[in-house]
């Protein structure tokens, strides 16, 4: 095989891998009933006050599953907080669901304030997360719902602020 042919083959394989990665991260393999299940929940905030996710019906809803012990979760939260402040007037609402104890979430919010509600989830939410596309069960996991409540996109791992801002900009038009 010539050097040129080998280089062309390497480039073709790299492009195919990049395309496959893009499709895996951008196509949702979720169960539509999972969105309804999640959005029908009422969860406590860190002070114990019940918060129905339906209160944000009609908005673009960004639900971030996280935990206080998860470094990548804590890393992406300041960007989410900035986006919440910037896009609130465009009908965008972020909600953090901590898979953690109320006391740990409350303590976290005192030292690292965010501009969106933090709710307390339970390990039982892992099944809904799996149905939403998080088959690995990892954190952070973020799901974006359109104004109609349908799941638009999800991501396991850190969602870069600029990428999420671009998606939310398209959805809010």
Protein backbone atom coordinates (compact mmCIF):
# COMPACT_ATOMS: atom_id res chain seq x y z
CA UNK A 1 0.00 0.00 0.00
CA UNK A 2 1.40 3.38 -0.96
CA UNK A 3 1.84 6.17 1.53
CA UNK A 4 -0.92 8.19 -0.15
CA UNK A 5 -3.36 5.27 -0.05
CA UNK A 6 -2.57 4.62 3.62
CA UNK A 7 -3.12 8.31 4.47
CA UNK A 8 -6.42 8.32 2.57
CA UNK A 9 -7.54 5.19 4.43
CA UNK A 10 -6.66 6.73 7.80
CA UNK A 11 -8.60 9.89 6.93
CA UNK A 12 -11.63 7.86 5.78
CA UNK A 13 -11.64 5.81 9.00
CA UNK A 14 -11.30 8.96 11.11
CA UNK A 15 -14.21 10.63 9.29
CA UNK A 16 -16.37 7.52 9.70
CA UNK A 17 -15.58 7.39 13.42
CA UNK A 18 -16.36 11.10 13.82
CA UNK A 19 -19.69 10.68 12.02
CA UNK A 20 -20.61 7.69 14.19
CA UNK A 21 -19.73 9.63 17.35
CA UNK A 22 -21.85 12.56 16.23
CA UNK A 23 -24.85 10.33 15.53
CA UNK A 24 -24.55 8.51 18.86
CA UNK A 25 -24.38 11.77 20.81
CA UNK A 26 -27.13 13.56 18.87
CA UNK A 27 -29.75 10.91 18.23
CA UNK A 28 -32.09 10.16 21.08
CA UNK A 29 -32.80 6.52 21.84
CA UNK A 30 -35.46 7.24 24.38
CA UNK A 31 -38.87 5.97 25.29
CA UNK A 32 -41.49 8.74 24.77
CA UNK A 33 -43.37 7.58 27.85
CA UNK A 34 -40.27 8.30 29.95
CA UNK A 35 -40.61 12.02 29.24
CA UNK A 36 -44.21 11.93 30.44
CA UNK A 37 -43.19 9.97 33.55
CA UNK A 38 -40.44 12.44 34.42
CA UNK A 39 -42.50 15.56 33.74
CA UNK A 40 -45.36 14.19 35.87
CA UNK A 41 -43.13 13.91 38.95
CA UNK A 42 -43.25 16.09 42.03
CA UNK A 43 -39.93 16.16 43.86
CA UNK A 44 -38.81 17.96 47.00
CA UNK A 45 -36.35 20.80 46.83
CA UNK A 46 -33.48 20.85 49.31
CA UNK A 47 -35.74 22.56 51.87
CA UNK A 48 -38.35 19.80 51.56
CA UNK A 49 -40.90 21.87 49.61
CA UNK A 50 -42.66 19.85 46.89
CA UNK A 51 -41.97 21.05 43.36
CA UNK A 52 -44.00 19.69 40.44
CA UNK A 53 -42.07 19.59 37.19
CA UNK A 54 -45.38 20.44 35.47
CA UNK A 55 -45.04 24.00 36.80
CA UNK A 56 -42.63 24.60 33.92
CA UNK A 57 -44.98 23.23 31.27
CA UNK A 58 -44.83 25.31 28.07
CA UNK A 59 -41.17 26.22 28.60
CA UNK A 60 -38.07 24.71 27.12
CA UNK A 61 -36.98 22.58 30.05
CA UNK A 62 -33.39 21.52 30.67
CA UNK A 63 -33.26 18.78 33.30
CA UNK A 64 -29.81 18.01 34.65
CA UNK A 65 -29.28 14.88 36.75
CA UNK A 66 -26.25 15.38 38.98
CA UNK A 67 -24.75 14.65 42.40
CA UNK A 68 -22.67 16.65 44.87
CA UNK A 69 -19.93 13.99 44.75
CA UNK A 70 -19.64 14.19 40.92
CA UNK A 71 -16.80 16.53 39.76
CA UNK A 72 -18.02 16.80 36.12
CA UNK A 73 -21.50 17.66 37.43
CA UNK A 74 -20.14 20.51 39.52
CA UNK A 75 -17.96 21.64 36.61
CA UNK A 76 -20.86 22.22 34.21
CA UNK A 77 -23.23 23.88 36.71
CA UNK A 78 -21.81 27.44 36.48
CA UNK A 79 -22.38 27.39 32.70
CA UNK A 80 -25.92 26.13 33.19
CA UNK A 81 -26.48 28.88 35.73
CA UNK A 82 -25.25 31.53 33.26
CA UNK A 83 -27.51 30.12 30.53
CA UNK A 84 -30.50 30.13 32.91
CA UNK A 85 -29.92 33.82 33.64
CA UNK A 86 -29.40 34.70 29.96
CA UNK A 87 -32.29 32.69 28.50
CA UNK A 88 -34.96 32.91 31.19
CA UNK A 89 -36.74 35.64 29.23
CA UNK A 90 -36.89 33.30 26.21
CA UNK A 91 -38.91 30.70 28.09
CA UNK A 92 -36.00 28.44 29.07
CA UNK A 93 -35.95 26.78 32.49
CA UNK A 94 -33.13 24.70 33.97
CA UNK A 95 -33.81 22.26 36.80
CA UNK A 96 -31.17 20.23 38.60
CA UNK A 97 -32.21 16.88 40.04
CA UNK A 98 -29.63 15.72 42.53
CA UNK A 99 -29.26 11.99 43.03
CA UNK A 100 -28.14 12.74 46.56
CA UNK A 101 -29.47 13.58 50.01
CA UNK A 102 -31.38 16.79 50.69
CA UNK A 103 -28.82 17.83 53.30
CA UNK A 104 -25.90 17.47 50.87
CA UNK A 105 -27.75 19.37 48.14
CA UNK A 106 -28.69 22.10 50.62
CA UNK A 107 -25.08 22.41 51.80
CA UNK A 108 -23.85 22.47 48.19
CA UNK A 109 -26.28 25.25 47.25
CA UNK A 110 -24.98 27.39 50.13
CA UNK A 111 -21.38 27.18 48.92
CA UNK A 112 -22.11 27.07 45.17
CA UNK A 113 -25.30 28.98 44.39
CA UNK A 114 -26.99 28.38 41.04
CA UNK A 115 -29.72 30.41 39.35
CA UNK A 116 -32.11 27.49 38.91
CA UNK A 117 -34.00 25.12 41.22
CA UNK A 118 -32.24 22.11 42.69
CA UNK A 119 -34.53 19.20 43.47
CA UNK A 120 -33.83 16.00 45.35
CA UNK A 121 -34.11 12.81 43.36
CA UNK A 122 -33.87 9.23 44.46
CA UNK A 123 -31.98 6.25 43.08
CA UNK A 124 -35.36 5.15 41.68
CA UNK A 125 -34.99 7.82 39.00
CA UNK A 126 -32.22 5.76 37.43
CA UNK A 127 -34.87 3.71 35.59
CA UNK A 128 -36.42 6.85 34.09
CA UNK A 129 -32.94 8.12 33.20
CA UNK A 130 -32.27 4.85 31.38
CA UNK A 131 -35.52 5.18 29.43
CA UNK A 132 -34.51 8.75 28.53
CA UNK A 133 -31.31 7.43 26.94
CA UNK A 134 -28.86 7.07 29.83
CA UNK A 135 -28.39 3.32 29.62
CA UNK A 136 -24.98 3.58 31.31
CA UNK A 137 -26.50 5.17 34.43
CA UNK A 138 -23.75 7.79 34.60
CA UNK A 139 -23.75 11.40 35.74
CA UNK A 140 -24.06 14.14 34.72
CA UNK A 141 -26.96 13.42 32.41
CA UNK A 142 -28.92 16.27 30.84
CA UNK A 143 -32.17 16.14 28.90
CA UNK A 144 -33.70 19.01 26.92
CA UNK A 145 -37.47 19.05 26.44
CA UNK A 146 -39.25 21.30 23.97
CA UNK A 147 -42.16 23.52 24.91
CA UNK A 148 -44.50 20.64 24.01
CA UNK A 149 -42.83 18.30 26.53
CA UNK A 150 -41.16 16.10 23.92
CA UNK A 151 -37.55 15.14 24.43
CA UNK A 152 -35.37 17.08 22.00
CA UNK A 153 -31.91 15.88 22.95
CA UNK A 154 -29.92 14.35 25.79
CA UNK A 155 -26.30 14.01 26.74
CA UNK A 156 -24.38 11.84 29.14
CA UNK A 157 -21.34 13.75 30.39
CA UNK A 158 -20.49 17.42 30.36
CA UNK A 159 -22.56 19.53 27.98
CA UNK A 160 -20.40 22.44 26.90
CA UNK A 161 -22.08 25.77 27.49
CA UNK A 162 -21.70 27.05 23.91
CA UNK A 163 -23.15 23.84 22.41
CA UNK A 164 -26.15 23.88 24.73
CA UNK A 165 -26.67 27.60 24.13
CA UNK A 166 -26.81 26.97 20.36
CA UNK A 167 -29.43 24.24 20.79
CA UNK A 168 -31.53 26.33 23.16
CA UNK A 169 -31.30 29.28 20.77
CA UNK A 170 -32.73 27.14 17.96
CA UNK A 171 -35.50 25.79 20.16
CA UNK A 172 -36.51 29.21 21.48
CA UNK A 173 -37.01 30.75 18.02
